[in-house]
C-alpha atoms as a PDB file:
ATOM      1  CA  MET A   1       8.152 -47.438 -38.089  1.00  0.00           C
ATOM      2  CA  PRO A   2       5.005 -49.598 -37.741  1.00  0.00           C
ATOM      3  CA  GLN A   3       5.382 -53.187 -38.855  1.00  0.00           C
ATOM      4  CA  ALA A   4       3.123 -54.756 -41.469  1.00  0.00           C
ATOM      5  CA  TYR A   5       0.579 -57.235 -40.167  1.00  0.00           C
ATOM      6  CA  GLU A   6       1.884 -60.788 -40.376  1.00  0.00           C
ATOM      7  CA  PRO A   7      -1.076 -63.174 -40.707  1.00  0.00           C
ATOM      8  CA  ARG A   8      -1.102 -66.257 -38.493  1.00  0.00           C
ATOM      9  CA  VAL A   9      -2.528 -69.714 -39.120  1.00  0.00           C
ATOM     10  CA  GLY A  10      -6.195 -69.638 -38.088  1.00  0.00           C
ATOM     11  CA  ASP A  11      -6.680 -65.942 -38.950  1.00  0.00           C
ATOM     12  CA  PHE A  12      -9.441 -65.033 -41.359  1.00  0.00           C
ATOM     13  CA  ILE A  13      -8.164 -63.070 -44.330  1.00  0.00           C
ATOM     14  CA  LEU A  14     -10.790 -60.466 -45.169  1.00  0.00           C
ATOM     15  CA  PRO A  15     -11.055 -57.938 -47.970  1.00  0.00           C
ATOM     16  CA  PRO A  16      -8.959 -54.908 -46.855  1.00  0.00           C
ATOM     17  CA  GLU A  17     -10.373 -52.045 -44.837  1.00  0.00           C
ATOM     18  CA  VAL A  18      -9.258 -48.880 -43.114  1.00  0.00           C
ATOM     19  CA  GLN A  19     -11.383 -49.405 -40.026  1.00  0.00           C
ATOM     20  CA  HIS A  20     -13.725 -52.021 -38.616  1.00  0.00           C
ATOM     21  CA  THR A  21     -17.231 -50.855 -39.438  1.00  0.00           C
ATOM     22  CA  PHE A  22     -19.739 -53.684 -39.630  1.00  0.00           C
ATOM     23  CA  THR A  23     -23.357 -53.538 -40.627  1.00  0.00           C
ATOM     24  CA  SER A  24     -25.913 -55.932 -42.098  1.00  0.00           C
ATOM     25  CA  ALA A  25     -28.052 -55.857 -45.203  1.00  0.00           C
ATOM     26  CA  VAL A  26     -29.980 -58.127 -47.514  1.00  0.00           C
ATOM     27  CA  GLN A  27     -28.455 -58.937 -50.864  1.00  0.00           C
ATOM     28  CA  PRO A  28     -30.503 -59.279 -54.058  1.00  0.00           C
ATOM     29  CA  ALA A  29     -31.195 -62.843 -55.172  1.00  0.00           C
ATOM     30  CA  ASP A  30     -29.760 -64.043 -58.488  1.00  0.00           C
ATOM     31  CA  GLN A  31     -26.837 -61.617 -58.483  1.00  0.00           C
ATOM     32  CA  ILE A  32     -23.170 -62.454 -58.032  1.00  0.00           C
ATOM     33  CA  VAL A  33     -21.541 -60.061 -55.583  1.00  0.00           C
ATOM     34  CA  THR A  34     -17.743 -60.033 -55.509  1.00  0.00           C
ATOM     35  CA  SER A  35     -15.401 -58.442 -52.962  1.00  0.00           C
ATOM     36  CA  LEU A  36     -11.821 -57.756 -54.018  1.00  0.00           C
ATOM     37  CA  PHE A  37      -8.893 -58.685 -51.781  1.00  0.00           C
ATOM     38  CA  LEU A  38      -5.100 -58.693 -52.078  1.00  0.00           C
ATOM     39  CA  LEU A  39      -2.709 -61.376 -50.872  1.00  0.00           C
ATOM     40  CA  GLN A  40       0.824 -60.184 -50.174  1.00  0.00           C
ATOM     41  CA  ARG A  41       2.247 -63.705 -50.315  1.00  0.00           C
ATOM     42  CA  ARG A  42       1.372 -67.311 -51.226  1.00  0.00           C
ATOM     43  CA  MET A  43      -1.090 -68.847 -48.728  1.00  0.00           C
ATOM     44  CA  ARG A  44      -3.172 -72.000 -48.279  1.00  0.00           C
ATOM     45  CA  PHE A  45      -6.734 -71.688 -46.982  1.00  0.00           C
ATOM     46  CA  ASP A  46      -8.949 -74.283 -45.277  1.00  0.00           C
ATOM     47  CA  GLN A  47     -12.280 -72.433 -44.912  1.00  0.00           C
ATOM     48  CA  ILE A  48     -14.402 -69.906 -46.770  1.00  0.00           C
ATOM     49  CA  ALA A  49     -17.014 -68.161 -44.629  1.00  0.00           C
ATOM     50  CA  ILE A  50     -19.802 -65.603 -44.468  1.00  0.00           C
ATOM     51  CA  ARG A  51     -21.817 -64.255 -41.523  1.00  0.00           C
ATOM     52  CA  VAL A  52     -25.633 -64.520 -41.670  1.00  0.00           C
ATOM     53  CA  ASP A  53     -27.117 -61.972 -39.224  1.00  0.00           C
ATOM     54  CA  ALA A  54     -30.806 -62.625 -39.964  1.00  0.00           C
ATOM     55  CA  ALA A  55     -32.198 -65.814 -41.461  1.00  0.00           C
ATOM     56  CA  GLY A  56     -33.697 -65.905 -44.905  1.00  0.00           C
ATOM     57  CA  ALA A  57     -36.948 -67.620 -45.858  1.00  0.00           C
ATOM     58  CA  GLY A  58     -37.209 -71.413 -45.878  1.00  0.00           C
ATOM     59  CA  GLY A  59     -34.855 -72.945 -48.448  1.00  0.00           C
ATOM     60  CA  ALA A  60     -32.601 -69.869 -48.568  1.00  0.00           C
ATOM     61  CA  LEU A  61     -29.087 -70.691 -49.772  1.00  0.00           C
ATOM     62  CA  CYS A  62     -25.890 -68.761 -50.435  1.00  0.00           C
ATOM     63  CA  ARG A  63     -23.175 -70.046 -52.754  1.00  0.00           C
ATOM     64  CA  LEU A  64     -19.563 -69.019 -52.002  1.00  0.00           C
ATOM     65  CA  GLY A  65     -16.570 -68.987 -54.326  1.00  0.00           C
ATOM     66  CA  LEU A  66     -13.386 -67.374 -55.591  1.00  0.00           C
ATOM     67  CA  TYR A  67     -12.450 -65.724 -58.882  1.00  0.00           C
ATOM     68  CA  ASN A  68      -9.208 -64.533 -60.413  1.00  0.00           C
ATOM     69  CA  VAL A  69      -9.303 -60.872 -61.444  1.00  0.00           C
ATOM     70  CA  ASP A  70      -8.004 -59.307 -64.637  1.00  0.00           C
ATOM     71  CA  GLU A  71      -5.852 -56.193 -65.046  1.00  0.00           C
ATOM     72  CA  ASP A  72      -8.802 -53.825 -64.491  1.00  0.00           C
ATOM     73  CA  TYR A  73      -9.793 -55.682 -61.269  1.00  0.00           C
ATOM     74  CA  TYR A  74     -12.861 -57.281 -62.857  1.00  0.00           C
ATOM     75  CA  PRO A  75     -13.464 -60.954 -61.908  1.00  0.00           C
ATOM     76  CA  SER A  76     -12.388 -63.329 -64.666  1.00  0.00           C
ATOM     77  CA  THR A  77     -11.900 -67.096 -64.355  1.00  0.00           C
ATOM     78  CA  LEU A  78     -13.421 -69.188 -61.594  1.00  0.00           C
ATOM     79  CA  ILE A  79     -10.936 -70.613 -59.098  1.00  0.00           C
ATOM     80  CA  LEU A  80     -13.382 -72.306 -56.750  1.00  0.00           C
ATOM     81  CA  ASP A  81     -17.094 -72.881 -56.388  1.00  0.00           C
ATOM     82  CA  ALA A  82     -17.078 -73.944 -52.718  1.00  0.00           C
ATOM     83  CA  GLY A  83     -20.763 -74.882 -52.548  1.00  0.00           C
ATOM     84  CA  THR A  84     -23.605 -73.466 -50.471  1.00  0.00           C
ATOM     85  CA  ILE A  85     -24.358 -72.490 -46.887  1.00  0.00           C
ATOM     86  CA  ASP A  86     -27.817 -72.596 -45.333  1.00  0.00           C
ATOM     87  CA  GLY A  87     -29.175 -69.045 -45.383  1.00  0.00           C
ATOM     88  CA  THR A  88     -31.691 -69.894 -42.660  1.00  0.00           C
ATOM     89  CA  VAL A  89     -28.941 -70.384 -40.039  1.00  0.00           C
ATOM     90  CA  VAL A  90     -27.836 -67.274 -38.138  1.00  0.00           C
ATOM     91  CA  ALA A  91     -24.114 -67.901 -37.615  1.00  0.00           C
ATOM     92  CA  ASN A  92     -20.648 -67.593 -39.063  1.00  0.00           C
ATOM     93  CA  ASN A  93     -21.276 -70.149 -41.792  1.00  0.00           C
ATOM     94  CA  VAL A  94     -18.190 -71.945 -43.109  1.00  0.00           C
ATOM     95  CA  ILE A  95     -17.369 -74.360 -45.902  1.00  0.00           C
ATOM     96  CA  ILE A  96     -14.226 -76.498 -45.663  1.00  0.00           C
ATOM     97  CA  ILE A  97     -11.862 -75.966 -48.607  1.00  0.00           C
ATOM     98  CA  ASP A  98      -8.245 -76.657 -49.503  1.00  0.00           C
ATOM     99  CA  GLU A  99      -7.098 -73.858 -51.779  1.00  0.00           C
ATOM    100  CA  THR A 100      -3.631 -72.377 -52.331  1.00  0.00           C
ATOM    101  CA  LEU A 101      -3.437 -68.865 -53.774  1.00  0.00           C
ATOM    102  CA  ASP A 102      -0.366 -66.986 -54.969  1.00  0.00           C
ATOM    103  CA  ARG A 103       0.346 -63.337 -54.262  1.00  0.00           C
ATOM    104  CA  GLY A 104      -2.114 -61.064 -56.106  1.00  0.00           C
ATOM    105  CA  TRP A 105      -5.673 -59.752 -56.340  1.00  0.00           C
ATOM    106  CA  TYR A 106      -8.696 -62.074 -56.062  1.00  0.00           C
ATOM    107  CA  ALA A 107     -12.472 -61.769 -55.694  1.00  0.00           C
ATOM    108  CA  LEU A 108     -14.610 -63.531 -53.094  1.00  0.00           C
ATOM    109  CA  ALA A 109     -18.027 -64.273 -54.596  1.00  0.00           C
ATOM    110  CA  ILE A 110     -21.499 -64.826 -53.159  1.00  0.00           C
ATOM    111  CA  LEU A 111     -24.680 -65.773 -55.008  1.00  0.00           C
ATOM    112  CA  THR A 112     -28.038 -66.256 -53.249  1.00  0.00           C
ATOM    113  CA  ASN A 113     -31.424 -67.649 -54.187  1.00  0.00           C
ATOM    114  CA  ASP A 114     -33.257 -65.508 -51.616  1.00  0.00           C
ATOM    115  CA  ALA A 115     -33.398 -61.740 -51.121  1.00  0.00           C
ATOM    116  CA  THR A 116     -34.303 -61.963 -47.410  1.00  0.00           C
ATOM    117  CA  ILE A 117     -30.985 -63.305 -46.022  1.00  0.00           C
ATOM    118  CA  GLN A 118     -29.270 -60.546 -44.063  1.00  0.00           C
ATOM    119  CA  PHE A 119     -25.472 -60.743 -44.329  1.00  0.00           C
ATOM    120  CA  ARG A 120     -22.857 -58.913 -42.271  1.00  0.00           C
ATOM    121  CA  TYR A 121     -20.493 -56.817 -44.319  1.00  0.00           C
ATOM    122  CA  ARG A 122     -17.679 -54.344 -43.794  1.00  0.00           C
ATOM    123  CA  THR A 123     -17.704 -50.747 -44.953  1.00  0.00           C
ATOM    124  CA  THR A 124     -14.966 -48.106 -45.403  1.00  0.00           C
ATOM    125  CA  SER A 125     -12.723 -50.572 -47.188  1.00  0.00           C
ATOM    126  CA  ILE A 126      -9.626 -49.953 -49.265  1.00  0.00           C
ATOM    127  CA  SER A 127     -10.001 -50.788 -52.943  1.00  0.00           C
ATOM    128  CA  PRO A 128      -8.197 -50.277 -56.240  1.00  0.00           C
ATOM    129  CA  LEU A 129     -11.565 -49.161 -57.676  1.00  0.00           C
ATOM    130  CA  GLY A 130     -11.643 -45.899 -55.700  1.00  0.00           C
ATOM    131  CA  GLY A 131     -14.442 -44.345 -53.662  1.00  0.00           C
ATOM    132  CA  ILE A 132     -17.799 -42.713 -54.154  1.00  0.00           C
ATOM    133  CA  SER A 133     -17.325 -39.359 -52.449  1.00  0.00           C
ATOM    134  CA  ALA A 134     -21.029 -38.491 -52.144  1.00  0.00           C
ATOM    135  CA  THR A 135     -21.640 -41.451 -49.828  1.00  0.00           C
ATOM    136  CA  SER A 136     -18.127 -42.128 -48.505  1.00  0.00           C
ATOM    137  CA  VAL A 137     -18.521 -45.682 -49.780  1.00  0.00           C
ATOM    138  CA  VAL A 138     -15.459 -47.358 -51.206  1.00  0.00           C
ATOM    139  CA  ASN A 139     -16.007 -49.441 -54.316  1.00  0.00           C
ATOM    140  CA  ALA A 140     -15.363 -52.927 -53.016  1.00  0.00           C
ATOM    141  CA  GLY A 141     -16.119 -55.145 -55.993  1.00  0.00           C
ATOM    142  CA  TRP A 142     -18.759 -55.983 -58.543  1.00  0.00           C
ATOM    143  CA  LEU A 143     -22.441 -56.916 -58.818  1.00  0.00           C
ATOM    144  CA  VAL A 144     -23.846 -58.753 -61.861  1.00  0.00           C
ATOM    145  CA  ALA A 145     -27.062 -60.665 -62.599  1.00  0.00           C
ATOM    146  CA  SER A 146     -26.757 -64.452 -62.646  1.00  0.00           C
ATOM    147  CA  ALA A 147     -29.374 -67.134 -61.987  1.00  0.00           C
ATOM    148  CA  PHE A 148     -28.791 -69.144 -58.813  1.00  0.00           C
ATOM    149  CA  ALA A 149     -26.753 -72.182 -59.874  1.00  0.00           C
ATOM    150  CA  ALA A 150     -23.097 -73.188 -59.916  1.00  0.00           C
ATOM    151  CA  LEU A 151     -20.867 -70.124 -60.214  1.00  0.00           C
ATOM    152  CA  PRO A 152     -20.198 -69.452 -63.896  1.00  0.00           C
ATOM    153  CA  ASP A 153     -16.772 -69.672 -65.473  1.00  0.00           C
ATOM    154  CA  PRO A 154     -15.809 -67.155 -66.658  1.00  0.00           C
ATOM    155  CA  HIS A 155     -17.474 -64.493 -64.511  1.00  0.00           C
ATOM    156  CA  PRO A 156     -20.285 -62.728 -66.445  1.00  0.00           C
ATOM    157  CA  ALA A 157     -19.383 -59.429 -68.119  1.00  0.00           C
ATOM    158  CA  GLY A 158     -21.206 -56.142 -67.574  1.00  0.00           C
ATOM    159  CA  GLY A 159     -21.175 -55.889 -63.785  1.00  0.00           C
ATOM    160  CA  ASN A 160     -21.678 -52.710 -61.795  1.00  0.00           C
ATOM    161  CA  ILE A 161     -19.378 -51.487 -59.028  1.00  0.00           C
ATOM    162  CA  GLN A 162     -20.699 -52.204 -55.529  1.00  0.00           C
ATOM    163  CA  GLY A 163     -19.525 -51.052 -52.085  1.00  0.00           C
ATOM    164  CA  ARG A 164     -19.893 -53.992 -49.699  1.00  0.00           C
ATOM    165  CA  ARG A 165     -17.278 -56.489 -48.512  1.00  0.00           C
ATOM    166  CA  TYR A 166     -18.614 -59.942 -47.696  1.00  0.00           C
ATOM    167  CA  GLY A 167     -16.949 -63.095 -46.436  1.00  0.00           C
ATOM    168  CA  GLY A 168     -13.433 -64.239 -45.713  1.00  0.00           C
ATOM    169  CA  LEU A 169     -10.942 -67.094 -45.994  1.00  0.00           C
ATOM    170  CA  ARG A 170      -9.279 -68.872 -43.044  1.00  0.00           C
ATOM    171  CA  LEU A 171      -5.501 -69.172 -43.287  1.00  0.00           C
ATOM    172  CA  ALA A 172      -4.246 -72.761 -42.982  1.00  0.00           C
ATOM    173  CA  GLU A 173      -0.601 -72.233 -43.963  1.00  0.00           C
ATOM    174  CA  LEU A 174       1.850 -69.516 -44.987  1.00  0.00           C
ATOM    175  CA  LEU A 175       3.899 -70.704 -47.946  1.00  0.00           C
END
């Protein structure tokens, strides 16, 4: 019987997927994009990160954060607004955090002020929201309009399902 993956300190915990398929795309400005992920146990994280594959225009920023999710997997209360990364830097951009999360579902959030930043994302992911059979895209989270500013608490209502998985958290400690 195959053994379940046991995360190690230093691993990045990413929204779940069935295979590694990476691509890049721009994300609309002034829209919160969330990617759902499940933790199987209590963990402490020391970084939140996102990959910029092509730089945005001068002054481009991307805000990163975390939300709790409610019983229908929609983001609810804000856990963490981690701040911004420079969207003009092509790199794995990280923000140092110190956040402990219990077992359960969460949503990684990004919000940009520039629609020219090209982010790396994962496709063919597993999600409690199901798939879109016509495009073989799995519904990965939510997309909702929000002016670029601090992440709102609670998360705005009325979002649409979206199929991209952005970002990750670096494991600092298994608890």
